[in-house]
Every structure is written in C-alpha cells, then in structure tokens.
Amino acid sequence: MNSRLVGKTGLKVSELCLGTMTFGAAADRDESFRIMDHYMEEGGNFIDTANVYSHGVSEEITGDWLKQHKRNDFVLATKVRFPMGDGPNDGGLSRKHILASVEDSLRRLKTDYIDLFQVHAWDQATPLEETLSTLNDLVRKGVIRYIGASNFKAWQLQKAIYISRQNGWESFVCLQPQYSLLCRATEYELLPLCEHEGVGVIPWSPLRGGWLSGKFNRGENPQENTRVGANKEVWEHYNNDFTWNIVETLTDVAAEADKSVAQTALNWILHRSVITAPIIGARNVKQLQDNLGASGWSLTDDQILRLNEVSELPVSYPYDLAAENQQRRGRAPLLTRRKQ
C-alpha cells in the first residue's frame, strides 16, 4: 500500500486508513484482531478510532492488539467530544473533559502517546481558545503528536486555524469530513480550504454506509441485516433517481475496470486532490480485503469524468464562479457546473 503525507506535515500514513467503529459492535474481539492482522499484512499503518465507538470498547480492542506489535510502526488516531458519561462535564471540548478523555483513551489504548488526536465535532459552548490551548499543551508535553478536527464547517475550521496561528499554537493538520460520490457538498468550501491551508483530508463513510458497495439495486428492498436495511429513514432519504443513477454508473465503470463496486468508489476518492486517506471500516476480513483492492490502480480520465458528471450537485453563485476559474486554469475542478 502506498503512503501519503498528512497535510503539510512530515507524517506518513497508508493511503487507506482502517476505521474501527465496527470493533466491539459488528465485529467481535477475535474478528477485530483478524481485521487488524490483515490490514498490517497488506502494509497498512494508519488506524482510526474514537472514545465513543462502542463506548470505549473499540479503543480497548485496538489497544490490546497494538500491545502485541511494535507501537512505533503505527499511526494511531482517536477522538474526543461526545459524552462518555452522564455528568455535566462528561462531554464537550472543555479543558476538563479533554484532559480526562486523553487519560482514559491512553489507558484503553495501552499506550503513552496518541499520534493524532481529533476533536470529533464543534462545541459551541466552549471557547475555541480554551480547546486549542489545551491541545497545544498536550502536544508540548508529548502526550499527543498532532491534532485534527472532524465534522467542522469551513468557517469553523478557518477560525480555529487563525486562532492557532495568531497565538503560535499547534494547528489542526487534518480534517475528517464525510465525503463520497453521494456526498460531494464537502467540495463547496471544505476541500478548497484544506487545499489552501495545507490540511490533510481523511474522509469518513466513503461508501456512504454501504450504498456504494454494490449490494443494492434500483427497485429492490435492502436486506434487513445490512446497515441500509436496518435504517428505514436512511433508505427513504437515498432511495431516489439521483442515488440510483450514481450507483448504476458506478457499477458500469466497475465492470469496465474489472474491479468491485466498492473498490471503484474508493478509487475515485483516492485520486481527488487534497485527499490523504479514506477511512475504510469492515465487519470482517473479507470485506476489508475487498476494500483494500482500491489501492494500486487508477480509473481512466473518461471513467472519472462519467462519475463526476452523474454525481455532481447543482451549484449557483459563488460556487459556479469557482468552478469556472478552476477550468480556466486548466485544473480538474473539485466542483463542476451543472449544464442547464
């Protein structure tokens, strides 16, 4: 598996990141160990978890596995923000909660440092200065190596970067947003901002919860044992012509490339500008093995264009001007203007 730098840092990570949200839930301890074993055997070194995944169990499983291997060989990422208890200070991005969460995550992960510590979402109740100064102190102490953000809006990320720069603090080196063929609004503001500021992008849900996995077809009801089938609200939201046009084009392109549908959807993301590493989650080794097949090959320009066109979102001012400017500079646009 190829390696990529995280933003403008010197940190090298695998171009496919292993997500562990299934650990302790859809994947038990033994299967989780097998998943991490296979990921390591394929050259992967980037593992992403969070304290809220299975309420700490995901971190514990990951830590138990890492204890059996050379810790320095892996880039370990986790997150803080959401409640881990019923107390008034058991959630958020206050200094109190961040410091308590770091201690708890280190204990569960059985390590004395975290490579990438990410705030899981915006906290409107806590001043950014309090959050960022606390994270800066943790980096200075060596408890964490880098900091990142997830689920921020563009203005929130830019404000955080500015405050860190103004105070000489450590700044966010990466963003973890949702991004896929079915979620391209991330291109409106977030991806251009990350490109401009040198922030790496680690997309979550690159297969949109299974919709881009090749398991579902127009006119067929999903199986109840799938993530899509288990959530009627999500099914009703995506069961429309826009989704099925993307899925059918993706299926055609996958057949041409002699790859699976999931591999093709992931490969499309891998070759978007500013992307560091999509996060791939798996319930079992077979699913992981298929996803890892997204690396090491490229879609043709024509195939990428077809996927771009079928999945593009309508844009108006000022985003249509941004798309036109990119085209005039001869660059492949992150945004494309829908033909009228």
Protein backbone atom coordinates (compact mmCIF):
# COMPACT_ATOMS: atom_id res chain seq x y z
CA MET A 1 0.00 0.00 0.00
CA ASN A 2 1.30 3.47 -0.87
CA SER A 3 1.97 6.10 1.78
CA ARG A 4 0.95 9.75 1.81
CA LEU A 5 1.87 12.76 3.91
CA VAL A 6 -0.76 14.17 6.25
CA GLY A 7 -1.29 17.71 5.00
CA LYS A 8 1.90 19.74 5.18
CA THR A 9 3.41 17.62 7.97
CA GLY A 10 6.13 15.01 7.57
CA LEU A 11 3.85 12.29 8.96
CA LYS A 12 3.46 9.37 6.53
CA VAL A 13 0.34 7.22 6.60
CA SER A 14 -1.15 4.49 4.43
CA GLU A 15 -3.42 5.83 1.69
CA LEU A 16 -6.26 3.73 3.13
CA CYS A 17 -6.99 4.28 6.83
CA LEU A 18 -8.51 1.46 8.89
CA GLY A 19 -11.59 2.64 10.76
CA THR A 20 -12.55 0.75 13.92
CA MET A 21 -16.14 1.82 14.54
CA THR A 22 -17.26 -1.79 13.99
CA PHE A 23 -14.94 -3.12 16.72
CA GLY A 24 -16.94 -4.29 19.70
CA ALA A 25 -20.16 -3.98 17.71
CA ALA A 26 -20.48 -5.63 14.28
CA ALA A 27 -17.04 -7.21 14.73
CA ASP A 28 -16.22 -9.02 17.98
CA ARG A 29 -12.76 -9.03 19.53
CA ASP A 30 -11.45 -12.03 17.57
CA GLU A 31 -12.71 -10.74 14.23
CA SER A 32 -11.35 -7.28 15.01
CA PHE A 33 -7.92 -8.81 15.65
CA ARG A 34 -8.10 -10.66 12.32
CA ILE A 35 -9.06 -7.42 10.56
CA MET A 36 -6.08 -5.56 12.02
CA ASP A 37 -3.77 -8.50 11.28
CA HIS A 38 -4.79 -8.48 7.62
CA TYR A 39 -4.53 -4.70 7.37
CA MET A 40 -0.99 -4.85 8.77
CA GLU A 41 -0.03 -7.71 6.42
CA GLU A 42 -1.14 -5.57 3.47
CA GLY A 43 1.16 -2.75 4.56
CA GLY A 44 -1.34 -0.59 6.43
CA ASN A 45 -0.14 1.58 9.32
CA PHE A 46 -2.98 4.09 9.94
CA ILE A 47 -5.70 3.16 12.47
CA ASP A 48 -8.55 5.50 13.41
CA THR A 49 -10.79 5.05 16.44
CA ALA A 50 -12.75 7.21 18.91
CA ASN A 51 -13.62 7.04 22.58
CA VAL A 52 -17.35 6.83 21.81
CA TYR A 53 -17.07 3.82 19.48
CA SER A 54 -18.82 1.08 21.45
CA HIS A 55 -18.34 3.35 24.47
CA GLY A 56 -14.62 2.74 24.73
CA VAL A 57 -14.59 -0.92 23.68
CA SER A 58 -13.16 -0.11 20.24
CA GLU A 59 -10.21 1.65 21.86
CA GLU A 60 -9.70 -1.27 24.25
CA ILE A 61 -9.66 -3.85 21.44
CA THR A 62 -7.30 -1.69 19.40
CA GLY A 63 -5.02 -1.23 22.39
CA ASP A 64 -4.92 -4.95 23.16
CA TRP A 65 -3.92 -5.67 19.55
CA LEU A 66 -1.30 -2.91 19.43
CA LYS A 67 0.27 -4.23 22.62
CA GLN A 68 1.28 -7.32 20.65
CA HIS A 69 3.08 -5.29 17.99
CA LYS A 70 5.68 -2.56 17.67
CA ARG A 71 3.81 0.60 18.63
CA ASN A 72 6.03 2.92 16.58
CA ASP A 73 5.11 1.11 13.37
CA PHE A 74 1.57 2.51 13.52
CA VAL A 75 -0.08 5.91 13.36
CA LEU A 76 -2.89 5.81 15.90
CA ALA A 77 -5.75 8.31 15.81
CA THR A 78 -8.62 8.80 18.23
CA LYS A 79 -11.18 11.49 19.04
CA VAL A 80 -12.86 13.47 21.81
CA ARG A 81 -16.11 15.44 22.03
CA PHE A 82 -19.21 13.33 22.65
CA PRO A 83 -20.48 12.29 26.11
CA MET A 84 -18.81 9.35 27.83
CA GLY A 85 -20.94 9.62 30.95
CA ASP A 86 -23.95 11.33 32.50
CA GLY A 87 -22.11 14.12 34.29
CA PRO A 88 -22.21 17.77 33.16
CA ASN A 89 -18.51 17.66 32.21
CA ASP A 90 -18.51 14.23 30.57
CA GLY A 91 -18.75 15.68 27.08
CA GLY A 92 -17.69 18.69 25.03
CA LEU A 93 -14.32 20.29 24.33
CA SER A 94 -13.59 21.97 27.66
CA ARG A 95 -10.13 21.69 29.18
CA LYS A 96 -11.54 19.44 31.91
CA HIS A 97 -13.17 16.98 29.52
CA ILE A 98 -10.26 16.91 27.05
CA LEU A 99 -7.69 16.16 29.75
CA ALA A 100 -9.86 13.47 31.34
CA SER A 101 -10.57 11.94 27.92
CA VAL A 102 -6.89 11.82 26.95
CA GLU A 103 -6.07 9.95 30.16
CA ASP A 104 -8.92 7.49 29.59
CA SER A 105 -8.01 6.93 25.92
CA LEU A 106 -4.34 6.34 26.77
CA ARG A 107 -5.38 3.76 29.36
CA ARG A 108 -7.74 1.95 26.99
CA LEU A 109 -5.27 2.08 24.11
CA LYS A 110 -2.45 0.89 26.40
CA THR A 111 -0.01 3.46 25.07
CA ASP A 112 1.72 6.55 26.41
CA TYR A 113 1.05 8.74 23.38
CA ILE A 114 -1.53 9.32 20.65
CA ASP A 115 -0.30 10.17 17.17
CA LEU A 116 -3.38 12.07 16.01
CA PHE A 117 -5.91 13.45 18.48
CA GLN A 118 -9.03 14.83 16.83
CA VAL A 119 -11.96 16.87 18.09
CA HIS A 120 -14.98 14.89 16.91
CA ALA A 121 -17.27 17.87 16.29
CA TRP A 122 -17.74 21.56 17.05
CA ASP A 123 -18.60 22.58 20.62
CA GLN A 124 -20.46 25.87 20.67
CA ALA A 125 -20.40 26.00 24.48
CA THR A 126 -16.60 26.11 24.79
CA PRO A 127 -14.40 28.97 23.52
CA LEU A 128 -12.03 27.80 20.80
CA GLU A 129 -9.14 29.36 22.71
CA GLU A 130 -9.76 27.00 25.63
CA THR A 131 -9.88 23.95 23.39
CA LEU A 132 -6.90 24.86 21.23
CA SER A 133 -4.64 25.95 24.10
CA THR A 134 -5.35 22.66 25.88
CA LEU A 135 -4.50 20.66 22.76
CA ASN A 136 -1.35 22.74 22.29
CA ASP A 137 -0.24 21.95 25.86
CA LEU A 138 -0.76 18.23 25.26
CA VAL A 139 1.40 18.35 22.13
CA ARG A 140 4.12 20.24 24.02
CA LYS A 141 4.06 17.54 26.72
CA GLY A 142 4.39 14.82 24.09
CA VAL A 143 1.12 13.13 25.06
CA ILE A 144 -0.22 13.70 21.58
CA ARG A 145 1.79 14.29 18.41
CA TYR A 146 -0.68 16.03 16.04
CA ILE A 147 -4.18 17.45 16.28
CA GLY A 148 -7.09 17.31 13.85
CA ALA A 149 -10.78 18.12 13.54
CA SER A 150 -13.83 16.23 12.34
CA ASN A 151 -17.27 17.40 11.18
CA PHE A 152 -16.33 21.10 11.19
CA LYS A 153 -17.87 23.64 8.84
CA ALA A 154 -15.42 25.64 6.75
CA TRP A 155 -15.72 28.83 8.80
CA GLN A 156 -15.17 26.85 12.00
CA LEU A 157 -12.03 25.22 10.66
CA GLN A 158 -10.66 28.50 9.29
CA LYS A 159 -11.33 30.27 12.58
CA ALA A 160 -9.51 27.52 14.50
CA ILE A 161 -6.52 27.71 12.15
CA TYR A 162 -6.39 31.50 12.51
CA ILE A 163 -6.54 31.42 16.33
CA SER A 164 -3.76 28.81 16.48
CA ARG A 165 -1.62 30.83 14.07
CA GLN A 166 -2.24 34.06 15.96
CA ASN A 167 -1.16 32.52 19.27
CA GLY A 168 1.71 30.39 18.00
CA TRP A 169 -0.14 27.18 18.97
CA GLU A 170 -0.20 23.82 17.26
CA SER A 171 -2.78 23.84 14.48
CA PHE A 172 -5.10 21.25 13.02
CA VAL A 173 -3.17 19.21 10.45
CA CYS A 174 -6.13 17.28 9.08
CA LEU A 175 -9.89 17.27 8.74
CA GLN A 176 -12.12 14.21 8.89
CA PRO A 177 -15.30 15.06 6.93
CA GLN A 178 -17.93 12.93 5.25
CA TYR A 179 -17.10 12.62 1.55
CA SER A 180 -18.17 10.27 -1.23
CA LEU A 181 -19.88 10.16 -4.61
CA LEU A 182 -23.11 10.59 -2.65
CA CYS A 183 -21.78 13.45 -0.50
CA ARG A 184 -19.97 15.98 -2.65
CA ALA A 185 -21.10 19.15 -0.88
CA THR A 186 -17.80 18.78 1.01
CA GLU A 187 -16.28 20.24 -2.16
CA TYR A 188 -18.10 23.57 -1.80
CA GLU A 189 -15.91 25.06 0.95
CA LEU A 190 -14.09 22.43 2.96
CA LEU A 191 -11.82 20.85 0.35
CA PRO A 192 -10.69 24.17 -1.18
CA LEU A 193 -9.95 25.45 2.34
CA CYS A 194 -7.93 22.34 3.18
CA GLU A 195 -6.00 22.65 -0.07
CA HIS A 196 -5.27 26.33 0.61
CA GLU A 197 -4.17 25.77 4.22
CA GLY A 198 -2.31 22.51 3.66
CA VAL A 199 -4.70 20.47 5.79
CA GLY A 200 -4.92 16.75 5.06
CA VAL A 201 -8.33 15.18 4.43
CA ILE A 202 -9.33 11.81 5.88
CA PRO A 203 -12.89 11.16 4.62
CA TRP A 204 -15.30 9.06 6.64
CA SER A 205 -18.10 6.98 5.09
CA PRO A 206 -16.52 6.88 1.60
CA LEU A 207 -19.06 4.17 0.66
CA ARG A 208 -21.92 6.13 2.26
CA GLY A 209 -22.84 3.46 4.74
CA GLY A 210 -22.91 0.69 2.12
CA TRP A 211 -24.86 2.49 -0.60
CA LEU A 212 -21.78 2.46 -2.84
CA SER A 213 -20.81 -1.13 -2.05
CA GLY A 214 -22.70 -2.80 -4.91
CA LYS A 215 -25.14 -4.55 -2.58
CA PHE A 216 -28.22 -2.58 -3.55
CA ASN A 217 -30.14 -2.14 -6.80
CA ARG A 218 -32.95 0.07 -8.02
CA GLY A 219 -36.38 -1.41 -7.32
CA GLU A 220 -35.15 -3.91 -4.72
CA ASN A 221 -35.64 -3.67 -0.97
CA PRO A 222 -32.44 -3.99 1.10
CA GLN A 223 -31.81 -6.97 3.35
CA GLU A 224 -32.55 -6.21 7.00
CA ASN A 225 -29.13 -7.45 8.16
CA THR A 226 -27.39 -4.62 6.29
CA ARG A 227 -26.77 -1.09 7.60
CA VAL A 228 -29.04 0.34 4.93
CA GLY A 229 -31.80 -2.19 5.51
CA ALA A 230 -31.74 -1.65 9.26
CA ASN A 231 -32.39 2.09 8.94
CA LYS A 232 -35.66 2.86 7.19
CA GLU A 233 -35.13 6.63 7.45
CA VAL A 234 -31.79 6.43 5.60
CA TRP A 235 -33.33 4.17 2.95
CA GLU A 236 -36.13 6.63 2.30
CA HIS A 237 -33.64 9.51 2.08
CA TYR A 238 -31.44 7.88 -0.57
CA ASN A 239 -33.96 5.76 -2.47
CA ASN A 240 -34.28 8.18 -5.41
CA ASP A 241 -33.20 8.61 -9.03
CA PHE A 242 -30.10 10.66 -8.14
CA THR A 243 -28.73 7.85 -5.98
CA TRP A 244 -29.59 5.05 -8.40
CA ASN A 245 -28.09 6.92 -11.36
CA ILE A 246 -24.81 7.15 -9.42
CA VAL A 247 -24.96 3.50 -8.34
CA GLU A 248 -25.68 2.28 -11.88
CA THR A 249 -22.91 4.38 -13.44
CA LEU A 250 -20.53 3.21 -10.72
CA THR A 251 -21.49 -0.41 -11.41
CA ASP A 252 -20.83 0.04 -15.15
CA VAL A 253 -17.45 1.65 -14.53
CA ALA A 254 -16.50 -1.09 -12.06
CA ALA A 255 -17.28 -3.76 -14.66
CA GLU A 256 -15.12 -1.94 -17.23
CA ALA A 257 -12.24 -1.69 -14.75
CA ASP A 258 -12.71 -5.31 -13.65
CA LYS A 259 -12.98 -4.13 -10.05
CA SER A 260 -15.67 -4.36 -7.41
CA VAL A 261 -18.15 -1.51 -7.00
CA ALA A 262 -16.71 -0.63 -3.58
CA GLN A 263 -13.14 -0.59 -4.93
CA THR A 264 -14.20 1.74 -7.72
CA ALA A 265 -15.96 4.17 -5.37
CA LEU A 266 -12.91 4.27 -3.11
CA ASN A 267 -10.51 4.69 -6.04
CA TRP A 268 -12.48 7.73 -7.21
CA ILE A 269 -11.85 9.35 -3.82
CA LEU A 270 -8.19 8.33 -3.73
CA HIS A 271 -7.49 10.36 -6.84
CA ARG A 272 -9.27 13.53 -5.74
CA SER A 273 -6.96 16.40 -4.86
CA VAL A 274 -6.10 17.06 -1.18
CA ILE A 275 -7.28 13.59 -0.07
CA THR A 276 -4.89 11.88 2.34
CA ALA A 277 -6.63 8.60 3.13
CA PRO A 278 -10.28 7.49 3.03
CA ILE A 279 -11.33 5.61 6.16
CA ILE A 280 -12.44 2.06 5.41
CA GLY A 281 -14.42 0.19 8.04
CA ALA A 282 -15.11 -3.53 7.88
CA ARG A 283 -17.25 -6.10 9.67
CA ASN A 284 -14.98 -8.94 8.64
CA VAL A 285 -11.72 -9.73 6.84
CA LYS A 286 -13.46 -10.49 3.55
CA GLN A 287 -14.99 -7.03 3.44
CA LEU A 288 -11.67 -5.43 4.36
CA GLN A 289 -9.82 -7.38 1.69
CA ASP A 290 -12.20 -6.12 -0.97
CA ASN A 291 -11.83 -2.51 0.17
CA LEU A 292 -8.03 -2.74 0.18
CA GLY A 293 -8.26 -3.59 -3.51
CA ALA A 294 -9.00 0.10 -4.16
CA SER A 295 -5.27 0.81 -3.91
CA GLY A 296 -2.64 0.30 -6.59
CA TRP A 297 -4.55 1.19 -9.77
CA SER A 298 -6.29 4.13 -11.41
CA LEU A 299 -9.57 4.84 -13.15
CA THR A 300 -9.26 6.32 -16.64
CA ASP A 301 -9.91 10.01 -17.22
CA ASP A 302 -13.12 9.13 -19.04
CA GLN A 303 -14.36 6.95 -16.19
CA ILE A 304 -13.61 9.67 -13.64
CA LEU A 305 -15.45 12.20 -15.80
CA ARG A 306 -18.54 9.99 -16.01
CA LEU A 307 -18.60 9.51 -12.24
CA ASN A 308 -18.09 13.25 -11.74
CA GLU A 309 -20.93 14.16 -14.06
CA VAL A 310 -23.50 11.72 -12.65
CA SER A 311 -22.75 12.70 -9.04
CA GLU A 312 -22.27 16.44 -9.38
CA LEU A 313 -24.51 18.71 -7.35
CA PRO A 314 -26.14 21.83 -8.78
CA VAL A 315 -24.24 24.94 -7.77
CA SER A 316 -25.00 28.62 -8.00
CA TYR A 317 -23.17 31.80 -7.08
CA PRO A 318 -20.44 31.96 -5.88
CA TYR A 319 -19.53 28.30 -6.40
CA ASP A 320 -20.17 28.37 -10.15
CA LEU A 321 -17.52 31.10 -10.46
CA ALA A 322 -15.02 28.96 -8.54
CA ALA A 323 -15.63 26.05 -10.90
CA GLU A 324 -15.17 28.23 -13.97
CA ASN A 325 -11.94 29.72 -12.60
CA GLN A 326 -10.52 26.24 -11.99
CA GLN A 327 -11.39 25.18 -15.52
CA ARG A 328 -9.74 28.28 -16.99
CA ARG A 329 -6.54 27.45 -15.09
CA GLY A 330 -6.59 24.00 -16.68
CA ARG A 331 -7.14 22.15 -13.43
CA ALA A 332 -9.55 19.30 -12.82
CA PRO A 333 -12.25 21.10 -10.83
CA LEU A 334 -13.41 19.93 -7.43
CA LEU A 335 -16.71 21.50 -8.41
CA THR A 336 -18.29 21.27 -11.81
CA ARG A 337 -21.09 23.50 -13.01
CA ARG A 338 -24.23 21.55 -13.91
CA LYS A 339 -25.25 22.04 -17.52
CA GLN A 340 -28.53 23.89 -17.89
